[in-house]
């Protein structure tokens, strides 16, 4: 589940987890650079730009964790616990 609830004195806000990917060079691989949680896509975009601005990325993208399609699971591989 990728939903987080954060409670304050007056309201409860639901946060989604996002996985962030970036590319340093146009012909380079798209690499996972981290994750974050935010109440909406706009806030997640702002956070990603701020948190991962240490390099001059040529591409950065993100996806909500609950939208990731799993192709192979660890429990499907023999010998992997």
PDB file of N, CA and C in Angstrom:
ATOM      1  N   UNK A   1       0.851  -1.184   0.000  1.00  0.00           N
ATOM      2  CA  UNK A   1       0.000   0.000   0.000  1.00  0.00           C
ATOM      3  C   UNK A   1       0.885   1.232   0.000  1.00  0.00           C
ATOM      4  N   UNK A   2       0.539   2.243  -0.769  1.00  0.00           N
ATOM      5  CA  UNK A   2       1.404   3.405  -0.876  1.00  0.00           C
ATOM      6  C   UNK A   2       0.795   4.663  -0.280  1.00  0.00           C
ATOM      7  N   UNK A   3      -0.221   4.512   0.519  1.00  0.00           N
ATOM      8  CA  UNK A   3      -0.879   5.682   1.079  1.00  0.00           C
ATOM      9  C   UNK A   3      -0.448   5.866   2.531  1.00  0.00           C
ATOM     10  N   UNK A   4      -0.095   7.091   2.888  1.00  0.00           N
ATOM     11  CA  UNK A   4       0.321   7.413   4.249  1.00  0.00           C
ATOM     12  C   UNK A   4      -0.621   8.473   4.776  1.00  0.00           C
ATOM     13  N   UNK A   5      -1.032   8.348   6.016  1.00  0.00           N
ATOM     14  CA  UNK A   5      -1.863   9.378   6.622  1.00  0.00           C
ATOM     15  C   UNK A   5      -1.049  10.124   7.668  1.00  0.00           C
ATOM     16  N   UNK A   6      -1.027  11.437   7.561  1.00  0.00           N
ATOM     17  CA  UNK A   6      -0.358  12.270   8.542  1.00  0.00           C
ATOM     18  C   UNK A   6      -1.417  13.104   9.241  1.00  0.00           C
ATOM     19  N   UNK A   7      -1.433  13.036  10.557  1.00  0.00           N
ATOM     20  CA  UNK A   7      -2.454  13.748  11.313  1.00  0.00           C
ATOM     21  C   UNK A   7      -1.877  15.023  11.927  1.00  0.00           C
ATOM     22  N   UNK A   8      -2.658  16.076  11.853  1.00  0.00           N
ATOM     23  CA  UNK A   8      -2.347  17.312  12.553  1.00  0.00           C
ATOM     24  C   UNK A   8      -3.490  17.558  13.523  1.00  0.00           C
ATOM     25  N   UNK A   9      -3.418  18.637  14.262  1.00  0.00           N
ATOM     26  CA  UNK A   9      -4.440  18.918  15.264  1.00  0.00           C
ATOM     27  C   UNK A   9      -5.830  19.066  14.647  1.00  0.00           C
ATOM     28  N   UNK A  10      -5.920  19.620  13.431  1.00  0.00           N
ATOM     29  CA  UNK A  10      -7.226  19.925  12.863  1.00  0.00           C
ATOM     30  C   UNK A  10      -7.645  19.055  11.688  1.00  0.00           C
ATOM     31  N   UNK A  11      -6.684  18.395  11.019  1.00  0.00           N
ATOM     32  CA  UNK A  11      -7.071  17.616   9.860  1.00  0.00           C
ATOM     33  C   UNK A  11      -6.129  16.450   9.626  1.00  0.00           C
ATOM     34  N   UNK A  12      -6.605  15.502   8.849  1.00  0.00           N
ATOM     35  CA  UNK A  12      -5.796  14.370   8.438  1.00  0.00           C
ATOM     36  C   UNK A  12      -5.561  14.502   6.938  1.00  0.00           C
ATOM     37  N   UNK A  13      -4.297  14.457   6.533  1.00  0.00           N
ATOM     38  CA  UNK A  13      -3.950  14.567   5.126  1.00  0.00           C
ATOM     39  C   UNK A  13      -3.382  13.242   4.660  1.00  0.00           C
ATOM     40  N   UNK A  14      -3.837  12.763   3.528  1.00  0.00           N
ATOM     41  CA  UNK A  14      -3.321  11.532   2.961  1.00  0.00           C
ATOM     42  C   UNK A  14      -2.171  11.857   2.017  1.00  0.00           C
ATOM     43  N   UNK A  15      -1.077  11.128   2.174  1.00  0.00           N
ATOM     44  CA  UNK A  15       0.106  11.308   1.348  1.00  0.00           C
ATOM     45  C   UNK A  15       0.328  10.042   0.525  1.00  0.00           C
ATOM     46  N   UNK A  16       0.716  10.214  -0.733  1.00  0.00           N
ATOM     47  CA  UNK A  16       1.108   9.099  -1.586  1.00  0.00           C
ATOM     48  C   UNK A  16       2.630   9.035  -1.632  1.00  0.00           C
ATOM     49  N   UNK A  17       3.160   7.831  -1.800  1.00  0.00           N
ATOM     50  CA  UNK A  17       4.593   7.660  -2.040  1.00  0.00           C
ATOM     51  C   UNK A  17       4.843   7.761  -3.536  1.00  0.00           C
ATOM     52  N   UNK A  18       5.948   8.391  -3.896  1.00  0.00           N
ATOM     53  CA  UNK A  18       6.365   8.524  -5.289  1.00  0.00           C
ATOM     54  C   UNK A  18       7.792   8.011  -5.422  1.00  0.00           C
ATOM     55  N   UNK A  19       8.055   7.305  -6.507  1.00  0.00           N
ATOM     56  CA  UNK A  19       9.404   6.863  -6.847  1.00  0.00           C
ATOM     57  C   UNK A  19       9.936   7.829  -7.900  1.00  0.00           C
ATOM     58  N   UNK A  20      11.183   8.306  -7.706  1.00  0.00           N
ATOM     59  CA  UNK A  20      11.760   9.329  -8.579  1.00  0.00           C
ATOM     60  C   UNK A  20      12.913   8.722  -9.387  1.00  0.00           C
ATOM     61  N   UNK A  21      12.915   9.013 -10.676  1.00  0.00           N
ATOM     62  CA  UNK A  21      13.927   8.512 -11.599  1.00  0.00           C
ATOM     63  C   UNK A  21      14.544   9.691 -12.340  1.00  0.00           C
ATOM     64  N   UNK A  22      15.809   9.565 -12.730  1.00  0.00           N
ATOM     65  CA  UNK A  22      16.468  10.650 -13.464  1.00  0.00           C
ATOM     66  C   UNK A  22      17.546  10.088 -14.381  1.00  0.00           C
ATOM     67  N   UNK A  23      17.936  10.939 -15.323  1.00  0.00           N
ATOM     68  CA  UNK A  23      18.970  10.601 -16.303  1.00  0.00           C
ATOM     69  C   UNK A  23      19.966  11.758 -16.337  1.00  0.00           C
ATOM     70  N   UNK A  24      21.271  11.432 -16.225  1.00  0.00           N
ATOM     71  CA  UNK A  24      22.306  12.475 -16.245  1.00  0.00           C
ATOM     72  C   UNK A  24      22.698  12.889 -17.661  1.00  0.00           C
ATOM     73  N   UNK A  25      22.670  11.935 -18.595  1.00  0.00           N
ATOM     74  CA  UNK A  25      23.042  12.195 -19.984  1.00  0.00           C
ATOM     75  C   UNK A  25      21.909  11.725 -20.883  1.00  0.00           C
ATOM     76  N   UNK A  26      21.759  12.357 -22.027  1.00  0.00           N
ATOM     77  CA  UNK A  26      20.689  11.981 -22.949  1.00  0.00           C
ATOM     78  C   UNK A  26      20.738  10.515 -23.331  1.00  0.00           C
ATOM     79  N   UNK A  27      21.928   9.961 -23.488  1.00  0.00           N
ATOM     80  CA  UNK A  27      22.053   8.553 -23.870  1.00  0.00           C
ATOM     81  C   UNK A  27      22.304   7.651 -22.654  1.00  0.00           C
ATOM     82  N   UNK A  28      22.206   8.205 -21.447  1.00  0.00           N
ATOM     83  CA  UNK A  28      22.434   7.430 -20.233  1.00  0.00           C
ATOM     84  C   UNK A  28      21.185   6.717 -19.755  1.00  0.00           C
ATOM     85  N   UNK A  29      21.367   5.810 -18.804  1.00  0.00           N
ATOM     86  CA  UNK A  29      20.225   5.054 -18.288  1.00  0.00           C
ATOM     87  C   UNK A  29      19.340   5.900 -17.378  1.00  0.00           C
ATOM     88  N   UNK A  30      18.088   5.563 -17.340  1.00  0.00           N
ATOM     89  CA  UNK A  30      17.159   6.168 -16.398  1.00  0.00           C
ATOM     90  C   UNK A  30      17.345   5.409 -15.086  1.00  0.00           C
ATOM     91  N   UNK A  31      17.742   6.102 -14.026  1.00  0.00           N
ATOM     92  CA  UNK A  31      18.064   5.445 -12.759  1.00  0.00           C
ATOM     93  C   UNK A  31      17.135   5.901 -11.645  1.00  0.00           C
ATOM     94  N   UNK A  32      16.842   5.001 -10.740  1.00  0.00           N
ATOM     95  CA  UNK A  32      16.045   5.336  -9.555  1.00  0.00           C
ATOM     96  C   UNK A  32      16.935   6.152  -8.628  1.00  0.00           C
ATOM     97  N   UNK A  33      16.497   7.364  -8.270  1.00  0.00           N
ATOM     98  CA  UNK A  33      17.332   8.215  -7.419  1.00  0.00           C
ATOM     99  C   UNK A  33      16.737   8.431  -6.034  1.00  0.00           C
ATOM    100  N   UNK A  34      15.512   7.981  -5.813  1.00  0.00           N
ATOM    101  CA  UNK A  34      14.942   8.110  -4.479  1.00  0.00           C
ATOM    102  C   UNK A  34      13.430   8.060  -4.486  1.00  0.00           C
ATOM    103  N   UNK A  35      12.873   8.341  -3.310  1.00  0.00           N
ATOM    104  CA  UNK A  35      11.421   8.354  -3.179  1.00  0.00           C
ATOM    105  C   UNK A  35      11.024   9.482  -2.239  1.00  0.00           C
ATOM    106  N   UNK A  36       9.756   9.827  -2.265  1.00  0.00           N
ATOM    107  CA  UNK A  36       9.244  10.877  -1.403  1.00  0.00           C
ATOM    108  C   UNK A  36       7.763  10.649  -1.184  1.00  0.00           C
ATOM    109  N   UNK A  37       7.192  11.379  -0.242  1.00  0.00           N
ATOM    110  CA  UNK A  37       5.745  11.322  -0.030  1.00  0.00           C
ATOM    111  C   UNK A  37       5.194  12.743  -0.087  1.00  0.00           C
ATOM    112  N   UNK A  38       4.011  12.857  -0.666  1.00  0.00           N
ATOM    113  CA  UNK A  38       3.380  14.163  -0.833  1.00  0.00           C
ATOM    114  C   UNK A  38       1.876  13.983  -0.955  1.00  0.00           C
ATOM    115  N   UNK A  39       1.107  15.049  -0.657  1.00  0.00           N
ATOM    116  CA  UNK A  39      -0.347  14.941  -0.720  1.00  0.00           C
ATOM    117  C   UNK A  39      -0.913  14.947  -2.138  1.00  0.00           C
ATOM    118  N   UNK A  40      -0.113  15.424  -3.124  1.00  0.00           N
ATOM    119  CA  UNK A  40      -0.591  15.456  -4.508  1.00  0.00           C
ATOM    120  C   UNK A  40       0.606  15.533  -5.460  1.00  0.00           C
ATOM    121  N   UNK A  41       0.333  15.376  -6.739  1.00  0.00           N
ATOM    122  CA  UNK A  41       1.392  15.351  -7.741  1.00  0.00           C
ATOM    123  C   UNK A  41       2.145  16.672  -7.821  1.00  0.00           C
ATOM    124  N   UNK A  42       1.443  17.777  -7.695  1.00  0.00           N
ATOM    125  CA  UNK A  42       2.097  19.084  -7.779  1.00  0.00           C
ATOM    126  C   UNK A  42       3.122  19.259  -6.655  1.00  0.00           C
ATOM    127  N   UNK A  43       2.744  18.875  -5.442  1.00  0.00           N
ATOM    128  CA  UNK A  43       3.680  18.978  -4.310  1.00  0.00           C
ATOM    129  C   UNK A  43       4.832  17.993  -4.487  1.00  0.00           C
ATOM    130  N   UNK A  44       4.546  16.811  -4.986  1.00  0.00           N
ATOM    131  CA  UNK A  44       5.599  15.828  -5.216  1.00  0.00           C
ATOM    132  C   UNK A  44       6.599  16.332  -6.253  1.00  0.00           C
ATOM    133  N   UNK A  45       6.112  16.974  -7.294  1.00  0.00           N
ATOM    134  CA  UNK A  45       6.989  17.538  -8.317  1.00  0.00           C
ATOM    135  C   UNK A  45       7.911  18.590  -7.714  1.00  0.00           C
ATOM    136  N   UNK A  46       7.360  19.481  -6.916  1.00  0.00           N
ATOM    137  CA  UNK A  46       8.168  20.520  -6.265  1.00  0.00           C
ATOM    138  C   UNK A  46       9.201  19.908  -5.342  1.00  0.00           C
ATOM    139  N   UNK A  47       8.782  18.921  -4.553  1.00  0.00           N
ATOM    140  CA  UNK A  47       9.717  18.258  -3.639  1.00  0.00           C
ATOM    141  C   UNK A  47      10.841  17.567  -4.398  1.00  0.00           C
ATOM    142  N   UNK A  48      10.506  16.876  -5.476  1.00  0.00           N
ATOM    143  CA  UNK A  48      11.524  16.167  -6.253  1.00  0.00           C
ATOM    144  C   UNK A  48      12.547  17.139  -6.825  1.00  0.00           C
ATOM    145  N   UNK A  49      12.075  18.250  -7.367  1.00  0.00           N
ATOM    146  CA  UNK A  49      13.000  19.259  -7.914  1.00  0.00           C
ATOM    147  C   UNK A  49      13.931  19.788  -6.839  1.00  0.00           C
ATOM    148  N   UNK A  50      13.398  20.023  -5.657  1.00  0.00           N
ATOM    149  CA  UNK A  50      14.194  20.557  -4.551  1.00  0.00           C
ATOM    150  C   UNK A  50      15.136  19.504  -3.965  1.00  0.00           C
ATOM    151  N   UNK A  51      14.615  18.318  -3.691  1.00  0.00           N
ATOM    152  CA  UNK A  51      15.395  17.280  -3.020  1.00  0.00           C
ATOM    153  C   UNK A  51      16.506  16.694  -3.884  1.00  0.00           C
ATOM    154  N   UNK A  52      16.279  16.603  -5.179  1.00  0.00           N
ATOM    155  CA  UNK A  52      17.222  15.912  -6.054  1.00  0.00           C
ATOM    156  C   UNK A  52      17.893  16.864  -7.048  1.00  0.00           C
ATOM    157  N   UNK A  53      18.147  18.084  -6.623  1.00  0.00           N
ATOM    158  CA  UNK A  53      18.748  19.084  -7.516  1.00  0.00           C
ATOM    159  C   UNK A  53      20.277  19.099  -7.443  1.00  0.00           C
ATOM    160  N   UNK A  54      20.890  18.063  -6.844  1.00  0.00           N
ATOM    161  CA  UNK A  54      22.342  18.043  -6.679  1.00  0.00           C
ATOM    162  C   UNK A  54      23.093  17.862  -7.989  1.00  0.00           C
ATOM    163  N   UNK A  55      22.411  17.387  -9.013  1.00  0.00           N
ATOM    164  CA  UNK A  55      23.041  17.171 -10.314  1.00  0.00           C
ATOM    165  C   UNK A  55      22.214  17.861 -11.396  1.00  0.00           C
ATOM    166  N   UNK A  56      22.858  18.222 -12.501  1.00  0.00           N
ATOM    167  CA  UNK A  56      22.113  18.827 -13.621  1.00  0.00           C
ATOM    168  C   UNK A  56      21.466  17.750 -14.498  1.00  0.00           C
ATOM    169  N   UNK A  57      20.380  17.174 -14.023  1.00  0.00           N
ATOM    170  CA  UNK A  57      19.713  16.095 -14.751  1.00  0.00           C
ATOM    171  C   UNK A  57      19.215  16.577 -16.104  1.00  0.00           C
ATOM    172  N   UNK A  58      19.261  15.715 -17.106  1.00  0.00           N
ATOM    173  CA  UNK A  58      18.654  16.050 -18.405  1.00  0.00           C
ATOM    174  C   UNK A  58      17.213  15.565 -18.453  1.00  0.00           C
ATOM    175  N   UNK A  59      16.870  14.634 -17.547  1.00  0.00           N
ATOM    176  CA  UNK A  59      15.496  14.157 -17.457  1.00  0.00           C
ATOM    177  C   UNK A  59      15.238  13.702 -16.026  1.00  0.00           C
ATOM    178  N   UNK A  60      14.061  14.017 -15.526  1.00  0.00           N
ATOM    179  CA  UNK A  60      13.626  13.529 -14.218  1.00  0.00           C
ATOM    180  C   UNK A  60      12.145  13.205 -14.338  1.00  0.00           C
ATOM    181  N   UNK A  61      11.745  12.077 -13.785  1.00  0.00           N
ATOM    182  CA  UNK A  61      10.340  11.704 -13.800  1.00  0.00           C
ATOM    183  C   UNK A  61      10.012  10.956 -12.510  1.00  0.00           C
ATOM    184  N   UNK A  62       8.746  10.809 -12.239  1.00  0.00           N
ATOM    185  CA  UNK A  62       8.335  10.097 -11.037  1.00  0.00           C
ATOM    186  C   UNK A  62       7.037   9.366 -11.309  1.00  0.00           C
ATOM    187  N   UNK A  63       6.763   8.408 -10.460  1.00  0.00           N
ATOM    188  CA  UNK A  63       5.537   7.628 -10.580  1.00  0.00           C
ATOM    189  C   UNK A  63       5.046   7.330  -9.171  1.00  0.00           C
ATOM    190  N   UNK A  64       3.726   7.377  -9.011  1.00  0.00           N
ATOM    191  CA  UNK A  64       3.174   6.975  -7.717  1.00  0.00           C
ATOM    192  C   UNK A  64       3.478   5.509  -7.511  1.00  0.00           C
ATOM    193  N   UNK A  65       3.896   5.158  -6.318  1.00  0.00           N
ATOM    194  CA  UNK A  65       4.305   3.783  -6.042  1.00  0.00           C
ATOM    195  C   UNK A  65       3.200   2.780  -6.342  1.00  0.00           C
ATOM    196  N   UNK A  66       1.954   3.146  -6.086  1.00  0.00           N
ATOM    197  CA  UNK A  66       0.870   2.190  -6.347  1.00  0.00           C
ATOM    198  C   UNK A  66       0.567   2.026  -7.835  1.00  0.00           C
ATOM    199  N   UNK A  67       1.229   2.806  -8.696  1.00  0.00           N
ATOM    200  CA  UNK A  67       1.059   2.684 -10.138  1.00  0.00           C
ATOM    201  C   UNK A  67       2.163   1.866 -10.794  1.00  0.00           C
ATOM    202  N   UNK A  68       3.160   1.463 -10.013  1.00  0.00           N
ATOM    203  CA  UNK A  68       4.254   0.654 -10.549  1.00  0.00           C
ATOM    204  C   UNK A  68       3.730  -0.752 -10.824  1.00  0.00           C
ATOM    205  N   UNK A  69       4.026  -1.266 -11.982  1.00  0.00           N
ATOM    206  CA  UNK A  69       3.605  -2.608 -12.362  1.00  0.00           C
ATOM    207  C   UNK A  69       4.759  -3.570 -12.076  1.00  0.00           C
ATOM    208  N   UNK A  70       4.530  -4.504 -11.159  1.00  0.00           N
ATOM    209  CA  UNK A  70       5.561  -5.478 -10.826  1.00  0.00           C
ATOM    210  C   UNK A  70       5.557  -6.596 -11.865  1.00  0.00           C
ATOM    211  N   UNK A  71       6.728  -6.913 -12.380  1.00  0.00           N
ATOM    212  CA  UNK A  71       6.844  -7.940 -13.409  1.00  0.00           C
ATOM    213  C   UNK A  71       7.385  -9.240 -12.825  1.00  0.00           C
ATOM    214  N   UNK A  72       8.387  -9.129 -11.976  1.00  0.00           N
ATOM    215  CA  UNK A  72       8.929 -10.287 -11.280  1.00  0.00           C
ATOM    216  C   UNK A  72       8.986  -9.952  -9.804  1.00  0.00           C
ATOM    217  N   UNK A  73       8.491 -10.845  -8.961  1.00  0.00           N
ATOM    218  CA  UNK A  73       8.532 -10.651  -7.515  1.00  0.00           C
ATOM    219  C   UNK A  73       9.607 -11.552  -6.918  1.00  0.00           C
ATOM    220  N   UNK A  74      10.229 -11.110  -5.846  1.00  0.00           N
ATOM    221  CA  UNK A  74      11.291 -11.877  -5.196  1.00  0.00           C
ATOM    222  C   UNK A  74      10.813 -13.275  -4.822  1.00  0.00           C
ATOM    223  N   UNK A  75       9.545 -13.408  -4.409  1.00  0.00           N
ATOM    224  CA  UNK A  75       9.050 -14.724  -3.994  1.00  0.00           C
ATOM    225  C   UNK A  75       8.821 -15.669  -5.185  1.00  0.00           C
ATOM    226  N   UNK A  76       8.975 -15.183  -6.407  1.00  0.00           N
ATOM    227  CA  UNK A  76       8.827 -16.030  -7.587  1.00  0.00           C
ATOM    228  C   UNK A  76      10.155 -16.603  -8.053  1.00  0.00           C
ATOM    229  N   UNK A  77      11.263 -16.143  -7.469  1.00  0.00           N
ATOM    230  CA  UNK A  77      12.594 -16.574  -7.895  1.00  0.00           C
ATOM    231  C   UNK A  77      13.078 -17.666  -6.937  1.00  0.00           C
ATOM    232  N   UNK A  78      13.400 -18.849  -7.445  1.00  0.00           N
ATOM    233  CA  UNK A  78      13.876 -19.925  -6.584  1.00  0.00           C
ATOM    234  C   UNK A  78      15.139 -19.526  -5.813  1.00  0.00           C
ATOM    235  N   UNK A  79      15.150 -19.813  -4.531  1.00  0.00           N
ATOM    236  CA  UNK A  79      16.322 -19.525  -3.705  1.00  0.00           C
ATOM    237  C   UNK A  79      16.365 -18.117  -3.138  1.00  0.00           C
ATOM    238  N   UNK A  80      15.415 -17.275  -3.497  1.00  0.00           N
ATOM    239  CA  UNK A  80      15.366 -15.912  -2.960  1.00  0.00           C
ATOM    240  C   UNK A  80      14.257 -15.858  -1.917  1.00  0.00           C
ATOM    241  N   UNK A  81      14.636 -15.457  -0.713  1.00  0.00           N
ATOM    242  CA  UNK A  81      13.652 -15.400   0.362  1.00  0.00           C
ATOM    243  C   UNK A  81      13.025 -14.045   0.484  1.00  0.00           C
TER     244      UNK A  81
END
